[in-house]
């Protein structure tokens, strides 16, 4: 059994695989630590990451929605059985509920790719190494943008919470973003 656990853990830590989750140690009870390449952050255990399709979004490291895509699929009513009678009407389309929270982590690299040709990239500025901006929408929703700048890459975490859940989730989002780290920065 320990060998099997080690193999699964090794597969989760390989580049290109999904984020690895860890609990225990310095991770608070009821939380887990997500790792994807150099990015690490602690999130509540019920915040499971959604699948990220790499060819469509090569810069996306982690995507989390609440409720998750799997939970939203379970909320859908069962589809009616297929009928082939010509007088039957087609069932109205069923729309999957929108998530109230979306968290995306992106990696932009190398710095030279972000600068137009012929212009040298700006030098690393330690005063901009970690920047957190908060925005309030007119409808009551909230957005957070965390940027962590390293010598080679810029990592950005974008969080969007709708107005109906902003008050109850804001402290948790602040805690999640405070735990975000990039190895080597």
N, C-alpha and C. Protein backbone atom coordinates (compact mmCIF):
# COMPACT_ATOMS: atom_id res chain seq x y z
N UNK A 1 0.81 -1.21 0.00
CA UNK A 1 0.00 0.00 0.00
C UNK A 1 0.85 1.27 0.00
N UNK A 2 1.96 1.36 0.80
CA UNK A 2 2.77 2.58 0.77
C UNK A 2 3.38 2.84 -0.60
N UNK A 3 3.76 1.78 -1.32
CA UNK A 3 4.33 1.96 -2.66
C UNK A 3 3.29 2.55 -3.59
N UNK A 4 2.06 2.05 -3.49
CA UNK A 4 0.98 2.54 -4.34
C UNK A 4 0.70 4.02 -4.05
N UNK A 5 0.70 4.39 -2.77
CA UNK A 5 0.49 5.78 -2.39
C UNK A 5 1.61 6.66 -2.93
N UNK A 6 2.83 6.18 -2.87
CA UNK A 6 3.97 6.95 -3.38
C UNK A 6 3.87 7.14 -4.89
N UNK A 7 3.42 6.11 -5.61
CA UNK A 7 3.26 6.23 -7.06
C UNK A 7 2.19 7.26 -7.42
N UNK A 8 1.07 7.24 -6.71
CA UNK A 8 0.01 8.22 -6.98
C UNK A 8 0.52 9.62 -6.68
N UNK A 9 1.24 9.80 -5.56
CA UNK A 9 1.78 11.11 -5.21
C UNK A 9 2.78 11.58 -6.26
N UNK A 10 3.61 10.68 -6.77
CA UNK A 10 4.58 11.05 -7.80
C UNK A 10 3.88 11.47 -9.08
N UNK A 11 2.79 10.78 -9.45
CA UNK A 11 2.06 11.15 -10.66
C UNK A 11 1.44 12.53 -10.52
N UNK A 12 0.96 12.89 -9.32
CA UNK A 12 0.35 14.19 -9.12
C UNK A 12 1.36 15.32 -9.19
N UNK A 13 2.61 15.05 -8.89
CA UNK A 13 3.62 16.10 -8.88
C UNK A 13 4.33 16.27 -10.21
N UNK A 14 4.06 15.42 -11.19
CA UNK A 14 4.69 15.55 -12.50
C UNK A 14 4.16 16.77 -13.22
N UNK A 15 5.01 17.53 -13.94
CA UNK A 15 4.53 18.68 -14.69
C UNK A 15 3.49 18.25 -15.72
N UNK A 16 2.47 19.06 -15.87
CA UNK A 16 1.42 18.77 -16.84
C UNK A 16 0.27 17.99 -16.26
N UNK A 17 0.45 17.41 -15.08
CA UNK A 17 -0.65 16.72 -14.41
C UNK A 17 -1.43 17.74 -13.60
N UNK A 18 -2.52 17.32 -13.01
CA UNK A 18 -3.33 18.21 -12.20
C UNK A 18 -2.60 18.62 -10.93
N UNK A 19 -3.16 19.60 -10.21
CA UNK A 19 -2.51 20.04 -8.99
C UNK A 19 -2.51 18.94 -7.94
N UNK A 20 -1.45 18.88 -7.16
CA UNK A 20 -1.36 17.91 -6.08
C UNK A 20 -1.93 18.54 -4.82
N UNK A 21 -2.66 17.77 -4.04
CA UNK A 21 -3.25 18.26 -2.80
C UNK A 21 -2.57 17.60 -1.62
N UNK A 22 -2.36 18.36 -0.55
CA UNK A 22 -1.72 17.85 0.64
C UNK A 22 -2.46 18.38 1.85
N UNK A 23 -2.62 17.55 2.87
CA UNK A 23 -3.21 17.99 4.13
C UNK A 23 -2.25 17.65 5.26
N UNK A 24 -2.47 18.24 6.43
CA UNK A 24 -1.59 17.96 7.57
C UNK A 24 -0.41 18.90 7.59
N UNK A 25 0.51 18.69 8.53
CA UNK A 25 1.68 19.56 8.66
C UNK A 25 1.25 20.96 9.06
N UNK A 26 1.67 21.97 8.28
CA UNK A 26 1.31 23.34 8.60
C UNK A 26 0.00 23.77 7.93
N UNK A 27 -0.73 22.82 7.36
CA UNK A 27 -2.02 23.11 6.73
C UNK A 27 -3.11 23.02 7.80
N UNK A 28 -3.91 24.10 7.98
CA UNK A 28 -4.95 24.07 9.03
C UNK A 28 -5.98 22.96 8.80
N UNK A 29 -6.60 22.53 9.86
CA UNK A 29 -7.63 21.48 9.80
C UNK A 29 -8.78 21.96 8.91
N UNK A 30 -9.24 21.10 8.01
CA UNK A 30 -10.31 21.45 7.09
C UNK A 30 -9.83 22.15 5.83
N UNK A 31 -8.52 22.33 5.71
CA UNK A 31 -7.94 22.98 4.53
C UNK A 31 -7.00 21.98 3.85
N UNK A 32 -6.63 22.29 2.62
CA UNK A 32 -5.62 21.49 1.92
C UNK A 32 -4.70 22.44 1.17
N UNK A 33 -3.52 21.95 0.86
CA UNK A 33 -2.54 22.73 0.12
C UNK A 33 -2.53 22.24 -1.32
N UNK A 34 -2.71 23.16 -2.25
CA UNK A 34 -2.65 22.82 -3.67
C UNK A 34 -1.30 23.25 -4.22
N UNK A 35 -0.66 22.36 -4.98
CA UNK A 35 0.62 22.67 -5.61
C UNK A 35 0.51 22.38 -7.09
N UNK A 36 0.96 23.32 -7.88
CA UNK A 36 1.06 23.11 -9.32
C UNK A 36 2.32 23.81 -9.79
N UNK A 37 3.29 23.03 -10.18
CA UNK A 37 4.61 23.52 -10.56
C UNK A 37 5.16 24.36 -9.41
N UNK A 38 5.46 25.66 -9.61
CA UNK A 38 6.06 26.46 -8.54
C UNK A 38 5.01 27.07 -7.61
N UNK A 39 3.74 27.08 -8.00
CA UNK A 39 2.67 27.75 -7.25
C UNK A 39 2.16 26.86 -6.12
N UNK A 40 1.97 27.44 -4.93
CA UNK A 40 1.40 26.73 -3.79
C UNK A 40 0.42 27.65 -3.09
N UNK A 41 -0.74 27.12 -2.69
CA UNK A 41 -1.69 27.89 -1.89
C UNK A 41 -2.55 26.94 -1.08
N UNK A 42 -3.10 27.45 0.02
CA UNK A 42 -3.97 26.65 0.87
C UNK A 42 -5.41 27.09 0.64
N UNK A 43 -6.29 26.11 0.46
CA UNK A 43 -7.71 26.38 0.22
C UNK A 43 -8.55 25.48 1.11
N UNK A 44 -9.81 25.88 1.38
CA UNK A 44 -10.69 24.97 2.12
C UNK A 44 -10.83 23.64 1.37
N UNK A 45 -10.95 22.56 2.10
CA UNK A 45 -10.97 21.23 1.50
C UNK A 45 -12.09 21.07 0.48
N UNK A 46 -13.23 21.75 0.68
CA UNK A 46 -14.34 21.58 -0.27
C UNK A 46 -14.13 22.34 -1.58
N UNK A 47 -13.08 23.14 -1.68
CA UNK A 47 -12.77 23.86 -2.92
C UNK A 47 -11.94 22.96 -3.83
N UNK A 48 -12.53 22.00 -4.45
CA UNK A 48 -11.76 21.10 -5.31
C UNK A 48 -11.50 21.76 -6.66
N UNK A 49 -10.30 21.57 -7.20
CA UNK A 49 -9.97 22.18 -8.49
C UNK A 49 -10.75 21.53 -9.63
N UNK A 50 -11.11 22.35 -10.61
CA UNK A 50 -11.74 21.84 -11.83
C UNK A 50 -10.63 21.43 -12.79
N UNK A 51 -10.99 20.62 -13.77
CA UNK A 51 -10.01 20.20 -14.78
C UNK A 51 -9.67 21.39 -15.67
N UNK A 52 -8.40 21.51 -16.02
CA UNK A 52 -7.94 22.55 -16.93
C UNK A 52 -7.46 21.86 -18.19
N UNK A 53 -8.03 22.25 -19.33
CA UNK A 53 -7.65 21.65 -20.60
C UNK A 53 -6.48 22.44 -21.17
N UNK A 54 -5.27 21.93 -21.02
CA UNK A 54 -4.04 22.64 -21.36
C UNK A 54 -3.98 23.22 -22.78
N UNK A 55 -4.37 22.49 -23.82
CA UNK A 55 -4.24 23.10 -25.15
C UNK A 55 -5.06 24.38 -25.31
N UNK A 56 -6.20 24.48 -24.62
CA UNK A 56 -7.02 25.69 -24.73
C UNK A 56 -6.52 26.81 -23.83
N UNK A 57 -5.90 26.47 -22.74
CA UNK A 57 -5.41 27.50 -21.81
C UNK A 57 -4.04 27.10 -21.28
N UNK A 58 -2.98 27.27 -22.08
CA UNK A 58 -1.66 26.81 -21.68
C UNK A 58 -1.07 27.56 -20.50
N UNK A 59 -1.56 28.77 -20.19
CA UNK A 59 -1.01 29.53 -19.08
C UNK A 59 -1.76 29.30 -17.78
N UNK A 60 -2.89 28.57 -17.81
CA UNK A 60 -3.68 28.34 -16.60
C UNK A 60 -3.09 27.21 -15.78
N UNK A 61 -2.79 27.48 -14.51
CA UNK A 61 -2.28 26.44 -13.62
C UNK A 61 -3.40 25.77 -12.85
N UNK A 62 -4.28 26.58 -12.24
CA UNK A 62 -5.34 26.05 -11.39
C UNK A 62 -6.63 26.80 -11.69
N UNK A 63 -7.75 26.08 -11.70
CA UNK A 63 -9.07 26.69 -11.82
C UNK A 63 -9.96 26.06 -10.76
N UNK A 64 -10.55 26.91 -9.94
CA UNK A 64 -11.47 26.46 -8.90
C UNK A 64 -12.76 27.24 -9.05
N UNK A 65 -13.88 26.53 -9.03
CA UNK A 65 -15.19 27.19 -9.02
C UNK A 65 -15.98 26.63 -7.85
N UNK A 66 -16.82 27.46 -7.26
CA UNK A 66 -17.71 27.03 -6.19
C UNK A 66 -19.11 27.36 -6.60
N UNK A 67 -20.04 26.45 -6.63
CA UNK A 67 -19.79 25.02 -6.52
C UNK A 67 -18.97 24.54 -7.72
N UNK A 68 -18.28 23.43 -7.52
CA UNK A 68 -17.39 22.93 -8.57
C UNK A 68 -18.21 22.47 -9.77
N UNK A 69 -17.52 22.25 -10.87
CA UNK A 69 -18.20 21.80 -12.09
C UNK A 69 -18.93 20.49 -11.86
N UNK A 70 -18.30 19.59 -11.11
CA UNK A 70 -18.93 18.30 -10.81
C UNK A 70 -20.19 18.49 -9.97
N UNK A 71 -20.13 19.39 -8.97
CA UNK A 71 -21.31 19.64 -8.13
C UNK A 71 -22.43 20.31 -8.92
N UNK A 72 -22.06 21.21 -9.84
CA UNK A 72 -23.08 21.87 -10.67
C UNK A 72 -23.74 20.87 -11.63
N UNK A 73 -22.95 19.92 -12.14
CA UNK A 73 -23.53 18.87 -13.00
C UNK A 73 -24.57 18.06 -12.23
N UNK A 74 -24.28 17.78 -10.94
CA UNK A 74 -25.20 17.00 -10.12
C UNK A 74 -26.49 17.77 -9.82
N UNK A 75 -26.45 19.11 -9.90
CA UNK A 75 -27.64 19.93 -9.65
C UNK A 75 -28.63 19.90 -10.81
N UNK A 76 -28.16 19.51 -11.97
CA UNK A 76 -29.03 19.50 -13.15
C UNK A 76 -30.11 18.43 -12.99
N UNK A 77 -31.33 18.73 -13.46
CA UNK A 77 -32.36 17.69 -13.41
C UNK A 77 -32.01 16.57 -14.38
N UNK A 78 -32.48 15.36 -14.11
CA UNK A 78 -32.18 14.26 -15.03
C UNK A 78 -32.80 14.55 -16.39
N UNK A 79 -32.09 14.18 -17.43
CA UNK A 79 -32.62 14.42 -18.77
C UNK A 79 -33.74 13.43 -19.07
N UNK A 80 -34.75 13.89 -19.82
CA UNK A 80 -35.85 12.99 -20.14
C UNK A 80 -35.37 11.88 -21.08
N UNK A 81 -36.03 10.74 -21.04
CA UNK A 81 -35.61 9.66 -21.95
C UNK A 81 -35.87 10.07 -23.38
N UNK A 82 -35.03 9.63 -24.29
CA UNK A 82 -35.22 10.01 -25.69
C UNK A 82 -36.51 9.40 -26.24
N UNK A 83 -37.25 10.23 -26.95
CA UNK A 83 -38.47 9.75 -27.60
C UNK A 83 -38.37 10.06 -29.08
N UNK A 84 -39.03 9.26 -29.87
CA UNK A 84 -38.92 9.43 -31.31
C UNK A 84 -40.28 9.63 -31.96
N UNK A 85 -41.29 9.91 -31.17
CA UNK A 85 -42.60 10.14 -31.74
C UNK A 85 -42.63 11.53 -32.36
N UNK A 86 -43.17 11.69 -33.60
CA UNK A 86 -43.12 12.98 -34.28
C UNK A 86 -43.91 14.08 -33.57
N UNK A 87 -44.90 13.73 -32.74
CA UNK A 87 -45.68 14.76 -32.07
C UNK A 87 -45.04 15.23 -30.76
N UNK A 88 -44.01 14.52 -30.31
CA UNK A 88 -43.33 14.94 -29.08
C UNK A 88 -42.52 16.20 -29.33
N UNK A 89 -42.50 17.04 -28.34
CA UNK A 89 -41.69 18.26 -28.42
C UNK A 89 -40.34 17.98 -27.74
N UNK A 90 -39.37 18.69 -28.18
CA UNK A 90 -38.07 18.53 -27.54
C UNK A 90 -38.10 19.21 -26.18
N UNK A 91 -37.36 18.66 -25.27
CA UNK A 91 -37.30 19.22 -23.92
C UNK A 91 -36.59 20.57 -23.96
N UNK A 92 -37.00 21.54 -23.13
CA UNK A 92 -36.31 22.83 -23.11
C UNK A 92 -34.87 22.65 -22.65
N UNK A 93 -33.96 23.44 -23.18
CA UNK A 93 -32.57 23.29 -22.77
C UNK A 93 -32.41 23.62 -21.28
N UNK A 94 -31.58 22.84 -20.64
CA UNK A 94 -31.33 23.03 -19.22
C UNK A 94 -29.97 23.71 -19.09
N UNK A 95 -29.93 24.80 -18.36
CA UNK A 95 -28.70 25.57 -18.19
C UNK A 95 -28.04 25.21 -16.86
N UNK A 96 -26.74 24.93 -16.93
CA UNK A 96 -26.00 24.62 -15.72
C UNK A 96 -25.90 25.90 -14.88
N UNK A 97 -26.10 25.80 -13.55
CA UNK A 97 -26.00 27.00 -12.71
C UNK A 97 -24.61 27.62 -12.77
N UNK A 98 -24.56 28.94 -12.70
CA UNK A 98 -23.28 29.65 -12.71
C UNK A 98 -22.61 29.51 -11.34
N UNK A 99 -21.28 29.45 -11.32
CA UNK A 99 -20.60 29.40 -10.03
C UNK A 99 -20.66 30.77 -9.36
N UNK A 100 -20.70 30.77 -8.02
CA UNK A 100 -20.68 32.05 -7.32
C UNK A 100 -19.25 32.51 -7.04
N UNK A 101 -18.28 31.60 -7.15
CA UNK A 101 -16.88 31.95 -6.94
C UNK A 101 -16.05 31.30 -8.04
N UNK A 102 -15.14 32.07 -8.61
CA UNK A 102 -14.20 31.56 -9.61
C UNK A 102 -12.80 32.02 -9.22
N UNK A 103 -11.86 31.09 -9.15
CA UNK A 103 -10.47 31.40 -8.85
C UNK A 103 -9.62 30.78 -9.95
N UNK A 104 -8.86 31.60 -10.65
CA UNK A 104 -7.96 31.12 -11.70
C UNK A 104 -6.55 31.59 -11.39
N UNK A 105 -5.58 30.69 -11.57
CA UNK A 105 -4.16 31.04 -11.40
C UNK A 105 -3.49 30.86 -12.75
N UNK A 106 -2.82 31.93 -13.20
CA UNK A 106 -2.14 31.93 -14.49
C UNK A 106 -0.64 32.14 -14.30
N UNK A 107 0.13 31.63 -15.25
CA UNK A 107 1.58 31.82 -15.28
C UNK A 107 1.94 32.43 -16.63
N UNK A 108 2.66 33.54 -16.59
CA UNK A 108 3.13 34.18 -17.82
C UNK A 108 4.64 34.10 -17.83
N UNK A 109 5.23 33.52 -18.89
CA UNK A 109 6.67 33.31 -18.94
C UNK A 109 7.14 33.21 -20.36
N UNK A 110 8.42 33.30 -20.62
CA UNK A 110 9.36 34.07 -19.84
C UNK A 110 9.07 35.56 -20.00
N UNK A 111 9.72 36.38 -19.22
CA UNK A 111 9.46 37.82 -19.26
C UNK A 111 9.72 38.38 -20.65
N UNK A 112 10.69 37.84 -21.35
CA UNK A 112 11.01 38.38 -22.67
C UNK A 112 9.86 38.19 -23.66
N UNK A 113 8.97 37.20 -23.44
CA UNK A 113 7.84 37.01 -24.33
C UNK A 113 6.76 38.07 -24.12
N UNK A 114 6.78 38.74 -22.97
CA UNK A 114 5.77 39.75 -22.69
C UNK A 114 6.16 41.12 -23.21
N UNK A 115 7.40 41.27 -23.69
CA UNK A 115 7.92 42.56 -24.13
C UNK A 115 8.03 42.55 -25.65
N UNK A 116 7.67 43.66 -26.33
CA UNK A 116 7.78 43.70 -27.79
C UNK A 116 9.23 43.47 -28.24
N UNK A 117 9.42 42.92 -29.45
CA UNK A 117 10.78 42.68 -29.95
C UNK A 117 11.58 43.98 -30.02
N UNK A 118 12.86 43.90 -29.70
CA UNK A 118 13.73 45.06 -29.76
C UNK A 118 13.77 45.86 -28.48
N UNK A 119 12.88 45.57 -27.53
CA UNK A 119 12.87 46.28 -26.25
C UNK A 119 13.34 45.30 -25.18
N UNK A 120 14.28 45.73 -24.36
CA UNK A 120 14.77 44.82 -23.32
C UNK A 120 13.74 44.75 -22.20
N UNK A 121 13.56 43.56 -21.60
CA UNK A 121 12.59 43.43 -20.51
C UNK A 121 12.99 44.30 -19.32
N UNK A 122 11.97 44.79 -18.60
CA UNK A 122 12.26 45.63 -17.44
C UNK A 122 12.93 44.78 -16.36
N UNK A 123 13.85 45.36 -15.60
CA UNK A 123 14.52 44.59 -14.56
C UNK A 123 13.55 44.23 -13.45
N UNK A 124 13.90 43.19 -12.72
CA UNK A 124 13.07 42.74 -11.60
C UNK A 124 13.00 43.85 -10.55
N UNK A 125 11.80 44.18 -10.11
CA UNK A 125 11.59 45.22 -9.12
C UNK A 125 11.08 44.57 -7.84
N UNK A 126 11.89 44.47 -6.78
CA UNK A 126 11.45 43.79 -5.56
C UNK A 126 10.25 44.46 -4.89
N UNK A 127 10.03 45.75 -5.15
CA UNK A 127 8.86 46.42 -4.54
C UNK A 127 7.56 45.95 -5.17
N UNK A 128 7.63 45.38 -6.39
CA UNK A 128 6.43 44.86 -7.04
C UNK A 128 6.37 43.33 -6.98
N UNK A 129 7.15 42.73 -6.12
CA UNK A 129 7.23 41.27 -6.07
C UNK A 129 5.89 40.64 -5.74
N UNK A 130 5.06 41.31 -4.93
CA UNK A 130 3.75 40.77 -4.54
C UNK A 130 2.77 41.93 -4.47
N UNK A 131 1.76 41.91 -5.32
CA UNK A 131 0.77 42.99 -5.37
C UNK A 131 -0.62 42.38 -5.29
N UNK A 132 -1.46 42.92 -4.39
CA UNK A 132 -2.85 42.48 -4.26
C UNK A 132 -3.75 43.68 -4.47
N UNK A 133 -4.65 43.56 -5.45
CA UNK A 133 -5.63 44.62 -5.71
C UNK A 133 -7.02 44.07 -5.47
N UNK A 134 -7.89 44.90 -4.90
CA UNK A 134 -9.28 44.51 -4.63
C UNK A 134 -10.19 45.48 -5.36
N UNK A 135 -11.27 44.95 -5.94
CA UNK A 135 -12.25 45.80 -6.63
C UNK A 135 -13.65 45.41 -6.20
N UNK A 136 -14.51 46.42 -6.10
CA UNK A 136 -15.92 46.19 -5.79
C UNK A 136 -16.72 46.52 -7.05
N UNK A 137 -17.61 45.64 -7.45
CA UNK A 137 -18.48 45.89 -8.59
C UNK A 137 -19.68 46.70 -8.13
N UNK A 138 -20.30 47.45 -9.05
CA UNK A 138 -21.51 48.21 -8.68
C UNK A 138 -22.64 47.31 -8.17
N UNK A 139 -22.68 46.05 -8.64
CA UNK A 139 -23.75 45.14 -8.22
C UNK A 139 -23.48 44.49 -6.86
N UNK A 140 -22.32 44.74 -6.26
CA UNK A 140 -21.99 44.18 -4.95
C UNK A 140 -21.01 43.03 -5.00
N UNK A 141 -20.65 42.57 -6.19
CA UNK A 141 -19.67 41.51 -6.33
C UNK A 141 -18.28 42.04 -6.01
N UNK A 142 -17.33 41.12 -5.84
CA UNK A 142 -15.95 41.52 -5.53
C UNK A 142 -14.97 40.78 -6.41
N UNK A 143 -13.84 41.43 -6.66
CA UNK A 143 -12.74 40.82 -7.41
C UNK A 143 -11.44 41.06 -6.67
N UNK A 144 -10.57 40.07 -6.71
CA UNK A 144 -9.22 40.18 -6.18
C UNK A 144 -8.26 39.80 -7.29
N UNK A 145 -7.15 40.52 -7.39
CA UNK A 145 -6.10 40.17 -8.35
C UNK A 145 -4.78 40.17 -7.58
N UNK A 146 -4.18 38.99 -7.48
CA UNK A 146 -2.89 38.85 -6.81
C UNK A 146 -1.85 38.58 -7.89
N UNK A 147 -0.79 39.39 -7.90
CA UNK A 147 0.31 39.16 -8.84
C UNK A 147 1.58 38.93 -8.04
N UNK A 148 2.26 37.85 -8.36
CA UNK A 148 3.55 37.55 -7.75
C UNK A 148 4.57 37.54 -8.88
N UNK A 149 5.52 38.45 -8.77
CA UNK A 149 6.52 38.65 -9.82
C UNK A 149 7.83 38.03 -9.38
N UNK A 150 8.36 37.12 -10.18
CA UNK A 150 9.67 36.54 -9.89
C UNK A 150 10.66 37.08 -10.91
N UNK A 151 11.88 36.64 -10.83
CA UNK A 151 12.89 37.11 -11.79
C UNK A 151 12.57 36.66 -13.21
N UNK A 152 11.87 35.52 -13.36
CA UNK A 152 11.64 34.96 -14.68
C UNK A 152 10.20 35.01 -15.13
N UNK A 153 9.25 34.92 -14.19
CA UNK A 153 7.84 34.77 -14.55
C UNK A 153 6.95 35.65 -13.69
N UNK A 154 5.74 35.87 -14.18
CA UNK A 154 4.72 36.55 -13.39
C UNK A 154 3.56 35.58 -13.21
N UNK A 155 3.10 35.43 -11.98
CA UNK A 155 1.96 34.59 -11.65
C UNK A 155 0.82 35.49 -11.22
N UNK A 156 -0.39 35.21 -11.71
CA UNK A 156 -1.55 36.01 -11.36
C UNK A 156 -2.67 35.10 -10.90
N UNK A 157 -3.30 35.48 -9.79
CA UNK A 157 -4.49 34.77 -9.30
C UNK A 157 -5.65 35.75 -9.39
N UNK A 158 -6.70 35.37 -10.10
CA UNK A 158 -7.90 36.20 -10.25
C UNK A 158 -9.04 35.50 -9.53
N UNK A 159 -9.69 36.23 -8.63
CA UNK A 159 -10.82 35.68 -7.90
C UNK A 159 -12.02 36.59 -8.14
N UNK A 160 -13.15 35.99 -8.46
CA UNK A 160 -14.40 36.73 -8.68
C UNK A 160 -15.48 36.07 -7.85
N UNK A 161 -16.19 36.87 -7.02
CA UNK A 161 -17.29 36.38 -6.19
C UNK A 161 -18.51 37.22 -6.49
N UNK A 162 -19.67 36.57 -6.71
CA UNK A 162 -20.88 37.33 -7.01
C UNK A 162 -21.42 38.02 -5.77
N UNK A 163 -22.34 38.95 -5.98
CA UNK A 163 -22.84 39.81 -4.91
C UNK A 163 -23.53 39.01 -3.80
N UNK A 164 -24.21 37.94 -4.13
CA UNK A 164 -24.95 37.17 -3.13
C UNK A 164 -24.07 36.42 -2.13
N UNK A 165 -22.81 36.21 -2.46
CA UNK A 165 -21.91 35.44 -1.58
C UNK A 165 -20.69 36.24 -1.14
N UNK A 166 -20.56 37.49 -1.58
CA UNK A 166 -19.34 38.28 -1.31
C UNK A 166 -19.08 38.43 0.18
N UNK A 167 -20.10 38.71 0.97
CA UNK A 167 -19.89 38.94 2.41
C UNK A 167 -19.41 37.67 3.12
N UNK A 168 -20.00 36.53 2.78
CA UNK A 168 -19.65 35.29 3.49
C UNK A 168 -18.33 34.68 3.06
N UNK A 169 -17.84 34.99 1.85
CA UNK A 169 -16.64 34.33 1.32
C UNK A 169 -15.40 35.24 1.37
N UNK A 170 -15.57 36.53 1.58
CA UNK A 170 -14.45 37.47 1.49
C UNK A 170 -13.29 37.12 2.41
N UNK A 171 -13.56 36.82 3.67
CA UNK A 171 -12.47 36.48 4.60
C UNK A 171 -11.71 35.24 4.16
N UNK A 172 -12.44 34.25 3.65
CA UNK A 172 -11.80 33.02 3.18
C UNK A 172 -10.91 33.30 1.97
N UNK A 173 -11.39 34.13 1.04
CA UNK A 173 -10.58 34.48 -0.14
C UNK A 173 -9.31 35.21 0.29
N UNK A 174 -9.43 36.14 1.23
CA UNK A 174 -8.25 36.87 1.72
C UNK A 174 -7.23 35.89 2.32
N UNK A 175 -7.71 34.90 3.06
CA UNK A 175 -6.83 33.91 3.68
C UNK A 175 -6.16 33.03 2.62
N UNK A 176 -6.92 32.64 1.60
CA UNK A 176 -6.36 31.82 0.51
C UNK A 176 -5.26 32.59 -0.21
N UNK A 177 -5.52 33.85 -0.55
CA UNK A 177 -4.53 34.64 -1.27
C UNK A 177 -3.31 34.95 -0.42
N UNK A 178 -3.51 35.11 0.91
CA UNK A 178 -2.36 35.34 1.79
C UNK A 178 -1.45 34.12 1.86
N UNK A 179 -2.02 32.93 1.64
CA UNK A 179 -1.21 31.70 1.70
C UNK A 179 -0.50 31.40 0.39
N UNK A 180 -0.80 32.11 -0.68
CA UNK A 180 -0.22 31.82 -2.00
C UNK A 180 1.28 32.11 -1.99
N UNK A 181 2.03 31.18 -2.54
CA UNK A 181 3.50 31.30 -2.61
C UNK A 181 3.99 30.78 -3.96
N UNK A 182 5.10 31.34 -4.39
CA UNK A 182 5.80 30.82 -5.56
C UNK A 182 7.19 30.42 -5.08
N UNK A 183 7.57 29.18 -5.38
CA UNK A 183 8.88 28.69 -4.96
C UNK A 183 9.97 29.58 -5.57
N UNK A 184 10.88 30.00 -4.73
CA UNK A 184 12.01 30.81 -5.20
C UNK A 184 11.76 32.29 -5.22
N UNK A 185 10.60 32.76 -4.75
CA UNK A 185 10.37 34.21 -4.75
C UNK A 185 10.32 34.75 -3.35
